[in-house]
């Protein structure tokens, strides 16, 4: 089974040999966080802002090229389905499908979290920050602010995300001071394990994991299971009750992840996606 590279966001596990050159470059760049405040818009209006103003469809191939360049991948070279580089690839998840999965996750938040004044969302492998910006533009209310974080291991994609935030501030879509707005968005550079405090405070995690390695299939939950490096890392860093959304692969129940819901959503890049909503139960 051969796949052409298809470039998904990457958040990475630092133990991978393939990530060592990237991690070495990050060591002298402490987080390099980009942050802004976010105004709130209706979902359809926010989709137009993302798809027409910030990241128009006409520049989609350019963004795919950044993903390819960020990881030194050659689009003319095929990769096998087990190639570990697939976990570092870049693509763009549909915004409306993201809405459906977040809505499904919200149902399973604890009563305490539902009544909290803040909710923390993390996009693992945030690429250029597209889903982070969209969630910041659409989620929350006057009673509950959302803190939306993106974690990206590729310096080039993170830098492009910073440029998008700066452009959004210049256009009045975001605010330079997040304290003046309802929501806050931030992009962080580095492998996921570099941010234990962020992960510990996450109410909801999202990972576009469709291209990640999944060598096992669980008949108990009827789903491909992400390799242990992902399930173990997140179970160690996240707090009990954290809701995790993964796509086309589920987290391993052996590490305390309990499947709550699954939802089939549109995703033209891979002819449809199954989203898995899970909770860290122990």
Protein backbone atom coordinates (compact mmCIF):
# COMPACT_ATOMS: atom_id res chain seq x y z
CA UNK A 1 0.00 0.00 0.00
CA UNK A 2 1.70 3.22 -1.20
CA UNK A 3 0.70 6.77 -0.35
CA UNK A 4 1.81 10.01 -1.90
CA UNK A 5 2.72 12.55 0.80
CA UNK A 6 -0.39 14.44 1.98
CA UNK A 7 0.60 17.12 4.43
CA UNK A 8 -1.13 17.06 7.81
CA UNK A 9 -0.26 19.23 10.84
CA UNK A 10 2.46 17.78 13.07
CA UNK A 11 2.95 17.89 16.80
CA UNK A 12 5.51 15.15 17.16
CA UNK A 13 7.01 13.04 19.90
CA UNK A 14 10.56 14.13 20.57
CA UNK A 15 11.91 10.61 20.94
CA UNK A 16 11.54 9.98 17.21
CA UNK A 17 14.87 9.96 15.37
CA UNK A 18 13.22 11.73 12.46
CA UNK A 19 12.43 14.69 14.68
CA UNK A 20 15.90 15.15 16.16
CA UNK A 21 17.03 17.75 13.57
CA UNK A 22 13.81 19.71 14.11
CA UNK A 23 14.05 19.48 17.90
CA UNK A 24 17.67 20.61 17.82
CA UNK A 25 16.61 23.75 16.00
CA UNK A 26 13.92 24.38 18.60
CA UNK A 27 16.23 24.15 21.60
CA UNK A 28 17.44 27.71 21.10
CA UNK A 29 13.91 28.97 20.49
CA UNK A 30 12.04 28.86 23.80
CA UNK A 31 8.41 28.26 22.75
CA UNK A 32 8.38 31.32 20.42
CA UNK A 33 4.69 31.76 21.19
CA UNK A 34 2.43 33.96 19.08
CA UNK A 35 -0.73 35.17 20.80
CA UNK A 36 -3.70 37.45 20.18
CA UNK A 37 -7.21 38.19 21.33
CA UNK A 38 -10.08 36.98 19.20
CA UNK A 39 -13.42 38.57 18.47
CA UNK A 40 -16.43 36.25 18.13
CA UNK A 41 -18.35 35.73 14.91
CA UNK A 42 -21.16 33.41 13.75
CA UNK A 43 -19.73 30.20 12.31
CA UNK A 44 -20.58 30.93 8.68
CA UNK A 45 -19.08 34.41 8.89
CA UNK A 46 -15.95 33.04 10.58
CA UNK A 47 -15.58 30.41 7.86
CA UNK A 48 -15.63 33.17 5.26
CA UNK A 49 -12.99 35.08 7.22
CA UNK A 50 -10.71 32.03 7.29
CA UNK A 51 -11.37 30.79 3.75
CA UNK A 52 -11.57 34.14 1.96
CA UNK A 53 -9.45 36.60 3.94
CA UNK A 54 -6.84 34.77 6.00
CA UNK A 55 -6.23 31.54 4.06
CA UNK A 56 -8.02 31.69 0.71
CA UNK A 57 -8.45 28.58 -1.40
CA UNK A 58 -6.27 30.13 -4.09
CA UNK A 59 -3.25 29.77 -1.77
CA UNK A 60 -4.04 26.21 -0.63
CA UNK A 61 -1.31 24.62 -2.78
CA UNK A 62 1.18 27.11 -1.38
CA UNK A 63 0.34 26.02 2.17
CA UNK A 64 0.67 22.37 1.17
CA UNK A 65 4.10 23.26 -0.21
CA UNK A 66 5.08 24.81 3.12
CA UNK A 67 4.15 21.55 4.83
CA UNK A 68 6.29 19.63 2.36
CA UNK A 69 9.22 21.99 2.76
CA UNK A 70 8.92 22.10 6.54
CA UNK A 71 9.73 18.41 6.80
CA UNK A 72 11.97 18.01 3.78
CA UNK A 73 9.47 15.79 1.96
CA UNK A 74 9.52 15.24 -1.79
CA UNK A 75 6.04 15.01 -3.32
CA UNK A 76 7.41 12.84 -6.14
CA UNK A 77 8.60 10.17 -3.69
CA UNK A 78 5.98 7.67 -2.49
CA UNK A 79 5.69 6.68 1.18
CA UNK A 80 4.43 3.42 2.60
CA UNK A 81 1.48 3.47 4.99
CA UNK A 82 3.85 2.69 7.87
CA UNK A 83 6.28 5.52 7.09
CA UNK A 84 6.74 7.51 10.35
CA UNK A 85 6.98 10.73 8.35
CA UNK A 86 3.22 10.55 7.84
CA UNK A 87 2.75 11.81 11.41
CA UNK A 88 4.54 15.02 10.39
CA UNK A 89 2.51 15.80 7.29
CA UNK A 90 0.18 18.74 6.67
CA UNK A 91 -3.40 19.05 5.43
CA UNK A 92 -6.44 21.15 6.31
CA UNK A 93 -9.40 19.73 8.21
CA UNK A 94 -12.86 21.07 7.20
CA UNK A 95 -14.05 23.83 9.50
CA UNK A 96 -17.65 22.60 9.58
CA UNK A 97 -16.45 19.12 10.55
CA UNK A 98 -14.38 20.65 13.33
CA UNK A 99 -17.56 22.32 14.60
CA UNK A 100 -19.41 19.00 14.66
CA UNK A 101 -16.65 17.26 16.61
CA UNK A 102 -16.26 20.10 19.11
CA UNK A 103 -20.00 20.14 19.67
CA UNK A 104 -19.90 16.38 20.34
CA UNK A 105 -17.01 16.85 22.79
CA UNK A 106 -18.80 19.63 24.66
CA UNK A 107 -21.64 17.23 25.54
CA UNK A 108 -19.19 15.15 27.56
CA UNK A 109 -17.46 17.91 29.51
CA UNK A 110 -17.97 17.67 33.25
CA UNK A 111 -20.66 19.86 34.80
CA UNK A 112 -17.88 21.79 36.52
CA UNK A 113 -16.16 22.54 33.21
CA UNK A 114 -19.44 23.44 31.50
CA UNK A 115 -20.02 26.09 34.16
CA UNK A 116 -16.43 27.36 34.21
CA UNK A 117 -15.52 30.86 33.11
CA UNK A 118 -12.82 29.49 30.77
CA UNK A 119 -12.36 26.45 28.55
CA UNK A 120 -8.97 25.43 27.21
CA UNK A 121 -8.71 23.80 23.77
CA UNK A 122 -5.45 22.50 22.31
CA UNK A 123 -4.92 21.65 18.63
CA UNK A 124 -2.06 19.17 18.49
CA UNK A 125 -0.25 19.60 15.20
CA UNK A 126 -1.74 23.00 14.47
CA UNK A 127 0.18 23.67 11.27
CA UNK A 128 -0.37 27.31 10.27
CA UNK A 129 -2.95 27.77 13.04
CA UNK A 130 -6.06 27.56 10.87
CA UNK A 131 -8.23 25.58 13.31
CA UNK A 132 -6.88 27.55 16.26
CA UNK A 133 -7.93 30.83 14.68
CA UNK A 134 -11.31 29.47 13.65
CA UNK A 135 -12.11 28.12 17.12
CA UNK A 136 -11.04 31.44 18.62
CA UNK A 137 -13.39 33.27 16.26
CA UNK A 138 -16.42 31.08 16.92
CA UNK A 139 -16.36 29.52 20.40
CA UNK A 140 -17.23 30.82 23.83
CA UNK A 141 -19.68 33.38 25.14
CA UNK A 142 -19.75 36.42 27.37
CA UNK A 143 -19.89 34.04 30.34
CA UNK A 144 -17.22 31.59 29.16
CA UNK A 145 -13.99 32.53 27.40
CA UNK A 146 -12.04 30.02 25.33
CA UNK A 147 -8.26 29.79 25.44
CA UNK A 148 -7.27 28.10 22.18
CA UNK A 149 -3.70 26.84 21.84
CA UNK A 150 -1.90 25.29 18.89
CA UNK A 151 1.20 23.13 19.24
CA UNK A 152 3.31 22.70 16.10
CA UNK A 153 6.75 21.15 15.76
CA UNK A 154 7.64 22.57 12.33
CA UNK A 155 9.30 25.98 12.55
CA UNK A 156 8.22 27.01 9.03
CA UNK A 157 4.53 26.26 9.63
CA UNK A 158 4.64 27.95 13.04
CA UNK A 159 6.23 31.04 11.48
CA UNK A 160 3.51 31.18 8.84
CA UNK A 161 0.93 30.96 11.61
CA UNK A 162 2.57 33.92 13.31
CA UNK A 163 2.29 35.87 10.06
CA UNK A 164 -1.41 35.03 9.77
CA UNK A 165 -2.04 36.26 13.31
CA UNK A 166 -0.15 39.49 12.60
CA UNK A 167 -2.15 39.97 9.40
CA UNK A 168 -5.37 39.29 11.30
CA UNK A 169 -4.46 41.94 13.87
CA UNK A 170 -3.69 44.44 11.11
CA UNK A 171 -7.10 43.75 9.52
CA UNK A 172 -8.92 44.07 12.84
CA UNK A 173 -9.92 40.41 12.96
CA UNK A 174 -7.81 39.78 16.07
CA UNK A 175 -6.70 42.04 18.90
CA UNK A 176 -3.08 42.50 19.93
CA UNK A 177 -4.12 42.39 23.59
CA UNK A 178 -6.21 39.30 24.31
CA UNK A 179 -7.36 40.83 27.61
CA UNK A 180 -9.53 43.20 25.62
CA UNK A 181 -11.45 40.39 23.92
CA UNK A 182 -13.49 37.39 24.92
CA UNK A 183 -11.23 34.64 23.62
CA UNK A 184 -7.48 34.22 23.28
CA UNK A 185 -5.49 32.25 20.71
CA UNK A 186 -1.84 31.25 20.88
CA UNK A 187 0.57 29.21 18.76
CA UNK A 188 3.45 27.33 20.38
CA UNK A 189 6.54 25.87 18.71
CA UNK A 190 7.90 22.51 19.78
CA UNK A 191 7.05 18.83 20.33
CA UNK A 192 4.00 18.09 22.46
CA UNK A 193 5.95 16.87 25.48
CA UNK A 194 7.55 20.31 25.79
CA UNK A 195 4.22 21.68 27.01
CA UNK A 196 3.12 19.59 30.01
CA UNK A 197 1.43 22.55 31.71
CA UNK A 198 -0.66 23.33 28.64
CA UNK A 199 -1.66 19.68 28.28
CA UNK A 200 -2.44 19.36 31.97
CA UNK A 201 -4.81 22.31 31.77
CA UNK A 202 -6.57 21.21 28.58
CA UNK A 203 -10.30 20.61 28.73
CA UNK A 204 -10.43 19.46 25.11
CA UNK A 205 -7.69 18.19 22.80
CA UNK A 206 -7.96 17.88 19.03
CA UNK A 207 -5.55 15.95 16.82
CA UNK A 208 -5.95 15.52 13.07
CA UNK A 209 -4.48 12.04 13.36
CA UNK A 210 -5.69 10.51 10.09
CA UNK A 211 -2.15 9.97 8.79
CA UNK A 212 -0.62 8.82 12.09
CA UNK A 213 0.61 5.26 12.45
CA UNK A 214 -1.94 2.77 13.78
CA UNK A 215 -0.64 -0.77 13.61
CA UNK A 216 -3.35 -2.28 15.82
CA UNK A 217 -7.12 -2.57 15.51
CA UNK A 218 -9.33 -2.90 18.57
CA UNK A 219 -12.35 -5.17 18.08
CA UNK A 220 -13.71 -3.90 21.41
CA UNK A 221 -14.21 -0.37 20.12
CA UNK A 222 -14.05 -1.23 16.39
CA UNK A 223 -11.33 1.28 15.65
CA UNK A 224 -7.68 1.50 14.55
CA UNK A 225 -5.56 2.33 17.59
CA UNK A 226 -2.89 5.02 17.56
CA UNK A 227 0.59 3.76 18.37
CA UNK A 228 1.51 3.84 22.09
CA UNK A 229 3.73 6.93 21.81
CA UNK A 230 0.63 9.11 21.36
CA UNK A 231 -1.74 7.43 23.81
CA UNK A 232 0.90 7.17 26.53
CA UNK A 233 2.17 10.73 26.19
CA UNK A 234 -1.29 12.24 26.38
CA UNK A 235 -2.41 10.04 29.28
CA UNK A 236 0.70 11.05 31.24
CA UNK A 237 0.38 14.77 30.55
CA UNK A 238 -3.38 15.37 30.54
CA UNK A 239 -5.70 15.54 33.52
CA UNK A 240 -8.44 13.07 34.32
CA UNK A 241 -11.62 14.15 32.55
CA UNK A 242 -9.83 15.66 29.56
CA UNK A 243 -11.79 15.11 26.34
CA UNK A 244 -9.67 14.10 23.33
CA UNK A 245 -10.86 14.19 19.71
CA UNK A 246 -8.85 12.15 17.21
CA UNK A 247 -9.57 11.42 13.56
CA UNK A 248 -9.70 7.98 11.93
CA UNK A 249 -7.64 6.50 14.79
CA UNK A 250 -8.58 6.16 18.45
CA UNK A 251 -6.44 6.50 21.56
CA UNK A 252 -5.55 3.24 23.28
CA UNK A 253 -7.94 2.27 26.11
CA UNK A 254 -5.01 0.51 27.77
CA UNK A 255 -3.73 3.97 28.77
CA UNK A 256 -6.98 5.08 30.35
CA UNK A 257 -8.79 6.49 27.30
CA UNK A 258 -12.48 5.63 27.14
CA UNK A 259 -14.38 5.99 23.88
CA UNK A 260 -17.52 8.10 24.37
CA UNK A 261 -18.72 8.78 20.86
CA UNK A 262 -17.82 8.48 17.20
CA UNK A 263 -19.02 10.70 14.44
CA UNK A 264 -18.64 10.48 10.67
CA UNK A 265 -17.90 13.90 9.21
CA UNK A 266 -17.03 15.32 5.81
CA UNK A 267 -13.38 15.42 4.83
CA UNK A 268 -12.87 15.59 1.05
CA UNK A 269 -9.10 15.10 1.29
CA UNK A 270 -9.57 11.50 2.49
CA UNK A 271 -13.16 10.84 1.33
CA UNK A 272 -14.64 11.21 4.81
CA UNK A 273 -13.40 10.97 8.39
CA UNK A 274 -14.53 9.26 11.56
CA UNK A 275 -13.99 11.39 14.61
CA UNK A 276 -13.45 9.67 17.96
CA UNK A 277 -14.43 11.47 21.16
CA UNK A 278 -12.64 10.03 24.19
CA UNK A 279 -12.16 10.87 27.85
CA UNK A 280 -9.18 10.22 30.08
CA UNK A 281 -10.89 8.14 32.74
CA UNK A 282 -7.96 7.37 35.05
